[in-house]
Amino acid sequence: MTPCPEEIAARKTAVNEAFDKLWDDYLSNRFSVVRDRASVFLKILSTIPETYKDVDLLVTEADFSYMLGAALGNDRKTLEDALTCYDKVLQKLPTDANQVNVRRMRAETLLRLGRYEDAFDAMEAISVLPDMGKFEELEAAPFRMRHDAALCERLAALGRMPQDRATA
């Protein structure tokens, strides 16, 4: 049975209001809280029909799945769910620099899934977007990009990534 529009609106509001707090919990390494809260909010999101999910709600669902998957020790199914949501968002958004944050989270999800070639292809695609020079508008700070470069070099040293892919 499809919920009425008022129920759907109330569920969207509850989930959207939890977004910043859940990210705060995740970034503060409160993974037990993230596991509990993200699970509940993802159950709520599962009751909202796809036709009612706009880009913002899909980003919320993707991010909640990403955080839960990470908090569960890189749970493959949950991270695949996040990847599916990020892909839906990218299909709905026009192709421009506004996709940078979604593309970045998609690439991080691929990293957590151990799909290194795909992840670094995704990061390479981000790096050539036209407005990449506007660092102040990005959620991923330049120091984070240096961290990612160091990770590439480490993966190459361990033989888990081709050397030519690890250096620019």
Protein backbone atom coordinates (compact mmCIF):
# COMPACT_ATOMS: atom_id res chain seq x y z
CA MET A 1 0.00 0.00 0.00
CA THR A 2 1.38 3.38 -1.03
CA PRO A 3 1.53 5.92 1.81
CA CYS A 4 -0.49 9.11 1.41
CA PRO A 5 1.33 12.31 0.33
CA GLU A 6 1.30 13.69 3.89
CA GLU A 7 2.99 10.54 5.22
CA ILE A 8 5.59 10.70 2.48
CA ALA A 9 6.29 14.37 3.24
CA ALA A 10 6.66 13.60 6.96
CA ARG A 11 9.09 10.75 6.23
CA LYS A 12 11.15 12.96 3.90
CA THR A 13 11.31 15.67 6.55
CA ALA A 14 12.42 13.23 9.25
CA VAL A 15 15.17 11.82 7.05
CA ASN A 16 16.36 15.20 5.78
CA GLU A 17 16.50 16.62 9.31
CA ALA A 18 18.76 13.72 10.35
CA PHE A 19 21.24 14.24 7.52
CA ASP A 20 23.71 16.71 9.10
CA LYS A 21 23.66 14.99 12.49
CA LEU A 22 24.36 11.58 10.96
CA TRP A 23 27.30 12.98 9.00
CA ASP A 24 28.57 14.56 12.22
CA ASP A 25 28.34 11.19 13.99
CA TYR A 26 30.13 9.47 11.11
CA LEU A 27 32.92 12.03 10.91
CA SER A 28 33.31 11.80 14.70
CA ASN A 29 33.78 8.01 14.45
CA ARG A 30 30.61 7.25 16.41
CA PHE A 31 30.03 4.17 14.29
CA SER A 32 27.67 2.38 16.68
CA VAL A 33 25.39 5.43 16.54
CA VAL A 34 25.74 5.57 12.76
CA ARG A 35 24.84 1.89 12.44
CA ASP A 36 21.70 2.32 14.55
CA ARG A 37 20.48 5.60 13.09
CA ALA A 38 21.36 4.96 9.44
CA SER A 39 19.59 1.57 9.58
CA VAL A 40 16.42 3.21 10.86
CA PHE A 41 16.49 6.03 8.34
CA LEU A 42 17.20 3.67 5.45
CA LYS A 43 14.15 1.63 6.50
CA ILE A 44 12.09 4.83 6.39
CA LEU A 45 13.51 5.67 2.96
CA SER A 46 12.58 2.19 1.71
CA THR A 47 8.92 3.02 2.38
CA ILE A 48 8.99 6.02 0.03
CA PRO A 49 8.09 5.10 -3.56
CA GLU A 50 10.83 5.80 -6.12
CA THR A 51 8.60 8.27 -7.96
CA TYR A 52 8.69 10.52 -4.87
CA LYS A 53 12.49 10.48 -4.56
CA ASP A 54 14.05 13.64 -5.92
CA VAL A 55 17.78 14.24 -6.32
CA ASP A 56 18.23 15.51 -2.76
CA LEU A 57 16.49 12.49 -1.26
CA LEU A 58 18.52 10.13 -3.43
CA VAL A 59 21.74 11.82 -2.24
CA THR A 60 20.56 11.40 1.34
CA GLU A 61 19.82 7.72 0.74
CA ALA A 62 23.18 7.23 -0.97
CA ASP A 63 25.10 8.97 1.82
CA PHE A 64 23.25 7.05 4.55
CA SER A 65 24.04 3.79 2.74
CA TYR A 66 27.67 4.83 2.36
CA MET A 67 28.00 5.69 6.05
CA LEU A 68 26.26 2.50 7.15
CA GLY A 69 28.36 0.37 4.83
CA ALA A 70 31.54 1.96 6.17
CA ALA A 71 30.36 1.63 9.79
CA LEU A 72 29.68 -2.06 9.16
CA GLY A 73 33.29 -2.60 8.09
CA ASN A 74 32.77 -1.98 4.36
CA ASP A 75 29.66 -4.13 4.00
CA ARG A 76 29.47 -4.90 0.28
CA LYS A 77 25.70 -4.98 -0.11
CA THR A 78 25.18 -1.67 1.67
CA LEU A 79 27.98 0.00 -0.30
CA GLU A 80 26.55 -1.39 -3.56
CA ASP A 81 23.21 0.19 -2.53
CA ALA A 82 25.03 3.52 -2.08
CA LEU A 83 26.64 3.15 -5.49
CA THR A 84 23.26 2.48 -7.10
CA CYS A 85 21.83 5.64 -5.50
CA TYR A 86 24.80 7.79 -6.57
CA ASP A 87 24.36 6.49 -10.12
CA LYS A 88 20.65 7.42 -10.04
CA VAL A 89 21.59 10.93 -8.91
CA LEU A 90 24.13 11.32 -11.72
CA GLN A 91 21.49 10.23 -14.24
CA LYS A 92 19.12 12.94 -12.99
CA LEU A 93 21.63 15.81 -12.76
CA PRO A 94 22.92 17.74 -15.75
CA THR A 95 26.54 16.96 -16.56
CA ASP A 96 28.47 19.82 -14.99
CA ALA A 97 30.58 20.68 -11.96
CA ASN A 98 27.52 20.49 -9.68
CA GLN A 99 28.09 16.73 -9.79
CA VAL A 100 31.53 16.98 -8.18
CA ASN A 101 30.41 16.04 -4.67
CA VAL A 102 28.26 13.14 -5.84
CA ARG A 103 31.04 11.91 -8.11
CA ARG A 104 33.51 12.18 -5.22
CA MET A 105 31.31 10.09 -2.91
CA ARG A 106 30.79 7.57 -5.70
CA ALA A 107 34.57 7.27 -6.12
CA GLU A 108 35.03 6.83 -2.36
CA THR A 109 32.37 4.11 -2.41
CA LEU A 110 34.25 2.32 -5.19
CA LEU A 111 37.41 2.54 -3.08
CA ARG A 112 35.65 0.95 -0.11
CA LEU A 113 34.43 -1.83 -2.40
CA GLY A 114 38.01 -2.49 -3.46
CA ARG A 115 37.24 -1.53 -7.06
CA TYR A 116 40.43 0.49 -7.32
CA GLU A 117 40.63 0.81 -11.11
CA ASP A 118 37.04 2.08 -11.27
CA ALA A 119 37.63 4.39 -8.31
CA PHE A 120 40.68 6.01 -9.81
CA ASP A 121 39.03 6.31 -13.21
CA ALA A 122 36.21 8.14 -11.41
CA MET A 123 38.68 10.40 -9.61
CA GLU A 124 40.46 11.13 -12.86
CA ALA A 125 37.14 12.15 -14.42
CA ILE A 126 36.54 14.50 -11.47
CA SER A 127 39.97 16.08 -11.86
CA VAL A 128 39.25 17.28 -15.39
CA LEU A 129 35.88 18.88 -14.72
CA PRO A 130 35.90 22.55 -15.75
CA ASP A 131 35.48 24.22 -12.34
CA MET A 132 37.88 22.12 -10.29
CA GLY A 133 39.90 25.25 -9.47
CA LYS A 134 37.19 26.49 -7.12
CA PHE A 135 38.35 24.52 -4.07
CA GLU A 136 36.32 26.63 -1.65
CA GLU A 137 33.13 25.22 -3.18
CA LEU A 138 34.16 21.56 -2.88
CA GLU A 139 33.39 19.26 0.03
CA ALA A 140 36.72 17.50 -0.56
CA ALA A 141 39.58 19.76 0.45
CA PRO A 142 42.89 19.70 -1.47
CA PHE A 143 44.64 17.98 1.47
CA ARG A 144 42.22 15.09 0.97
CA MET A 145 43.34 14.78 -2.63
CA ARG A 146 46.95 14.50 -1.38
CA HIS A 147 45.80 11.75 0.99
CA ASP A 148 44.23 9.92 -1.96
CA ALA A 149 47.44 10.28 -3.97
CA ALA A 150 49.42 8.79 -1.08
CA LEU A 151 46.93 5.91 -0.97
CA CYS A 152 47.48 5.27 -4.69
CA GLU A 153 51.22 5.13 -4.17
CA ARG A 154 50.81 2.73 -1.24
CA LEU A 155 48.50 0.45 -3.25
CA ALA A 156 51.03 0.39 -6.09
CA ALA A 157 53.83 -0.48 -3.66
CA LEU A 158 51.72 -3.39 -2.38
CA GLY A 159 51.05 -4.56 -5.93
CA ARG A 160 47.31 -3.93 -5.62
CA MET A 161 47.29 -1.21 -8.27
CA PRO A 162 49.29 -0.86 -11.49
CA GLN A 163 52.22 1.53 -11.02
CA ASP A 164 51.28 3.65 -14.04
CA ARG A 165 47.82 4.28 -12.50
CA ALA A 166 49.30 5.32 -9.15
CA THR A 167 51.31 8.29 -10.38
CA ALA A 168 50.23 11.27 -12.39
